[in-house]
Amino acid sequence: MRVFPLQTVLDLAERRAESGARLVRLAYVAWLNARTWQVRLEQRRADFVRQLGGVMRAGCTASVAQQSADYLQGWRAESHSASEAERLAKEEWQKALEAMQLEKKRVEAFRALADRHAAAQKLLQTRRENILHDELSQRAWRADDFSESNADEDSAWTT
């Protein structure tokens, strides 16, 4: 039986799909880390605003207000970079997911071709076996017929 001629291509596509799945997992983890960073920044801001509210009610100096404004300005910049990092990580994850899905479709197509090839090879093998069986049966029938005709001739000579 012949080997599937595109087996090396199928193997390569399977390896690429596996590595694509690993890349998807890594990109997903990066996106989750970026999202976690952004959520923690929001929590820090909420805690700071809560503490600042207590200080403001009690009254504060201009320097405390300026420090608070500076902190919030720094938070805005960090929050902006965190949201940008999350957006980029999510895009990378989605690109990796699309590439992996495309590679999986390619693997499925090659597997379908391999299955068709195996079915065709099996059918060909079955036909070959049937032809051999028919030839052997015909030879056996001819041998039996020949031996019977020789037996009749031998009996005619002996009488």
Protein backbone atom coordinates (compact mmCIF):
# COMPACT_ATOMS: atom_id res chain seq x y z
CA MET A 1 0.00 0.00 0.00
CA ARG A 2 1.35 3.41 -0.98
CA VAL A 3 2.08 6.00 1.66
CA PHE A 4 0.06 9.22 1.61
CA PRO A 5 2.15 11.50 -0.61
CA LEU A 6 1.37 14.64 1.44
CA GLN A 7 2.13 13.07 4.82
CA THR A 8 5.08 15.40 5.45
CA VAL A 9 2.89 18.41 4.69
CA LEU A 10 0.22 17.06 7.05
CA ASP A 11 2.81 16.54 9.79
CA LEU A 12 4.13 20.06 9.30
CA ALA A 13 0.62 21.53 9.43
CA GLU A 14 -0.10 19.61 12.64
CA ARG A 15 3.09 20.94 14.24
CA ARG A 16 2.24 24.47 13.14
CA ALA A 17 -1.26 24.12 14.60
CA GLU A 18 0.20 22.92 17.90
CA SER A 19 2.67 25.80 18.05
CA GLY A 20 -0.18 28.17 17.13
CA ALA A 21 -2.19 26.83 20.05
CA ARG A 22 0.76 27.52 22.35
CA LEU A 23 1.02 31.07 20.98
CA VAL A 24 -2.70 31.58 21.58
CA ARG A 25 -2.29 30.51 25.21
CA LEU A 26 0.69 32.83 25.68
CA ALA A 27 -1.12 35.75 24.06
CA TYR A 28 -4.19 35.09 26.20
CA VAL A 29 -2.07 35.11 29.35
CA ALA A 30 -0.45 38.40 28.24
CA TRP A 31 -3.91 39.89 27.68
CA LEU A 32 -5.06 38.70 31.12
CA ASN A 33 -1.95 40.22 32.71
CA ALA A 34 -2.59 43.54 30.96
CA ARG A 35 -6.23 43.45 32.05
CA THR A 36 -5.19 42.65 35.63
CA TRP A 37 -2.79 45.60 35.58
CA GLN A 38 -5.59 47.91 34.47
CA VAL A 39 -8.01 46.61 37.11
CA ARG A 40 -5.39 47.08 39.85
CA LEU A 41 -4.79 50.64 38.70
CA GLU A 42 -8.53 51.30 38.97
CA GLN A 43 -8.56 49.82 42.47
CA ARG A 44 -5.58 51.98 43.50
CA ARG A 45 -7.32 55.08 42.16
CA ALA A 46 -10.53 54.23 43.97
CA ASP A 47 -8.62 53.71 47.24
CA PHE A 48 -6.74 56.97 46.77
CA VAL A 49 -9.92 58.92 46.02
CA ARG A 50 -11.58 57.42 49.07
CA GLN A 51 -8.63 58.43 51.29
CA LEU A 52 -8.45 61.84 49.63
CA GLY A 53 -12.15 62.39 50.31
CA GLY A 54 -11.54 61.88 54.02
CA VAL A 55 -8.58 64.26 53.98
CA MET A 56 -10.49 66.89 52.00
CA ARG A 57 -13.43 66.82 54.42
CA ALA A 58 -11.07 67.45 57.29
CA GLY A 59 -9.36 70.17 55.30
CA CYS A 60 -5.95 70.03 53.65
CA THR A 61 -3.11 72.27 52.64
CA ALA A 62 -2.35 73.40 49.13
CA SER A 63 0.70 71.14 48.98
CA VAL A 64 -1.43 68.06 49.80
CA ALA A 65 -3.91 69.08 47.11
CA GLN A 66 -1.05 69.58 44.63
CA GLN A 67 0.43 66.16 45.50
CA SER A 68 -2.99 64.60 45.03
CA ALA A 69 -3.40 66.28 41.65
CA ASP A 70 0.08 65.13 40.61
CA TYR A 71 -0.70 61.58 41.73
CA LEU A 72 -3.96 61.56 39.75
CA GLN A 73 -2.17 62.98 36.70
CA GLY A 74 0.41 60.18 36.94
CA TRP A 75 -2.39 57.69 37.39
CA ARG A 76 -4.10 58.94 34.21
CA ALA A 77 -0.90 58.46 32.20
CA GLU A 78 -0.35 54.99 33.65
CA SER A 79 -4.00 54.08 33.11
CA HIS A 80 -3.77 55.22 29.50
CA SER A 81 -0.67 53.09 28.90
CA ALA A 82 -2.35 50.15 30.68
CA SER A 83 -5.44 50.37 28.49
CA GLU A 84 -3.24 50.66 25.39
CA ALA A 85 -1.24 47.60 26.49
CA GLU A 86 -4.49 45.70 27.06
CA ARG A 87 -5.80 46.67 23.63
CA LEU A 88 -2.57 45.58 21.93
CA ALA A 89 -2.45 42.32 23.90
CA LYS A 90 -6.04 41.55 22.97
CA GLU A 91 -5.32 42.24 19.29
CA GLU A 92 -2.30 39.93 19.41
CA TRP A 93 -4.38 37.24 21.06
CA GLN A 94 -7.10 37.54 18.42
CA LYS A 95 -4.54 37.44 15.58
CA ALA A 96 -2.92 34.35 17.08
CA LEU A 97 -6.34 32.73 17.50
CA GLU A 98 -7.27 33.41 13.87
CA ALA A 99 -3.94 32.05 12.63
CA MET A 100 -4.34 28.91 14.75
CA GLN A 101 -7.90 28.36 13.50
CA LEU A 102 -6.71 28.73 9.91
CA GLU A 103 -3.96 26.18 10.53
CA LYS A 104 -6.47 23.80 12.13
CA LYS A 105 -8.65 24.06 9.02
CA ARG A 106 -5.60 23.25 6.90
CA VAL A 107 -4.88 20.20 9.08
CA GLU A 108 -8.49 19.04 8.74
CA ALA A 109 -8.27 19.40 4.95
CA PHE A 110 -5.06 17.37 4.80
CA ARG A 111 -6.55 14.74 7.09
CA ALA A 112 -9.57 14.48 4.80
CA LEU A 113 -7.19 13.97 1.87
CA ALA A 114 -5.28 11.36 3.86
CA ASP A 115 -8.54 9.55 4.68
CA ARG A 116 -9.55 9.60 1.01
CA HIS A 117 -6.14 8.29 0.04
CA ALA A 118 -6.37 5.49 2.62
CA ALA A 119 -9.85 4.56 1.40
CA ALA A 120 -8.67 4.51 -2.22
CA GLN A 121 -5.65 2.39 -1.29
CA LYS A 122 -7.87 -0.01 0.64
CA LEU A 123 -10.24 -0.31 -2.33
CA LEU A 124 -7.28 -0.91 -4.64
CA GLN A 125 -5.91 -3.58 -2.30
CA THR A 126 -9.32 -5.27 -2.12
CA ARG A 127 -9.54 -5.30 -5.92
CA ARG A 128 -6.05 -6.79 -6.19
CA GLU A 129 -6.94 -9.49 -3.67
CA ASN A 130 -10.16 -10.28 -5.56
CA ILE A 131 -8.26 -10.54 -8.85
CA LEU A 132 -5.68 -12.85 -7.26
CA HIS A 133 -8.41 -14.92 -5.67
CA ASP A 134 -10.22 -15.21 -9.02
CA GLU A 135 -7.00 -16.23 -10.76
CA LEU A 136 -6.24 -18.86 -8.12
CA SER A 137 -9.79 -20.19 -8.30
CA GLN A 138 -9.62 -20.39 -12.07
CA ARG A 139 -6.25 -22.17 -11.93
CA ALA A 140 -7.57 -24.61 -9.35
CA TRP A 141 -10.63 -25.26 -11.50
CA ARG A 142 -8.45 -25.84 -14.57
CA ALA A 143 -6.16 -28.12 -12.58
CA ASP A 144 -9.15 -30.13 -11.35
CA ASP A 145 -10.59 -30.27 -14.85
CA PHE A 146 -7.22 -31.33 -16.26
CA SER A 147 -6.73 -34.02 -13.63
CA GLU A 148 -10.25 -35.36 -14.26
CA SER A 149 -9.67 -35.50 -18.02
CA ASN A 150 -6.31 -37.25 -17.46
CA ALA A 151 -7.96 -39.70 -15.10
CA ASP A 152 -10.54 -40.54 -17.78
CA GLU A 153 -7.79 -41.02 -20.36
CA ASP A 154 -5.75 -43.19 -17.96
CA SER A 155 -8.72 -45.37 -17.27
CA ALA A 156 -9.30 -45.74 -21.01
CA TRP A 157 -5.72 -46.97 -21.53
CA THR A 158 -5.85 -49.45 -18.72
CA THR A 159 -8.90 -51.26 -19.96
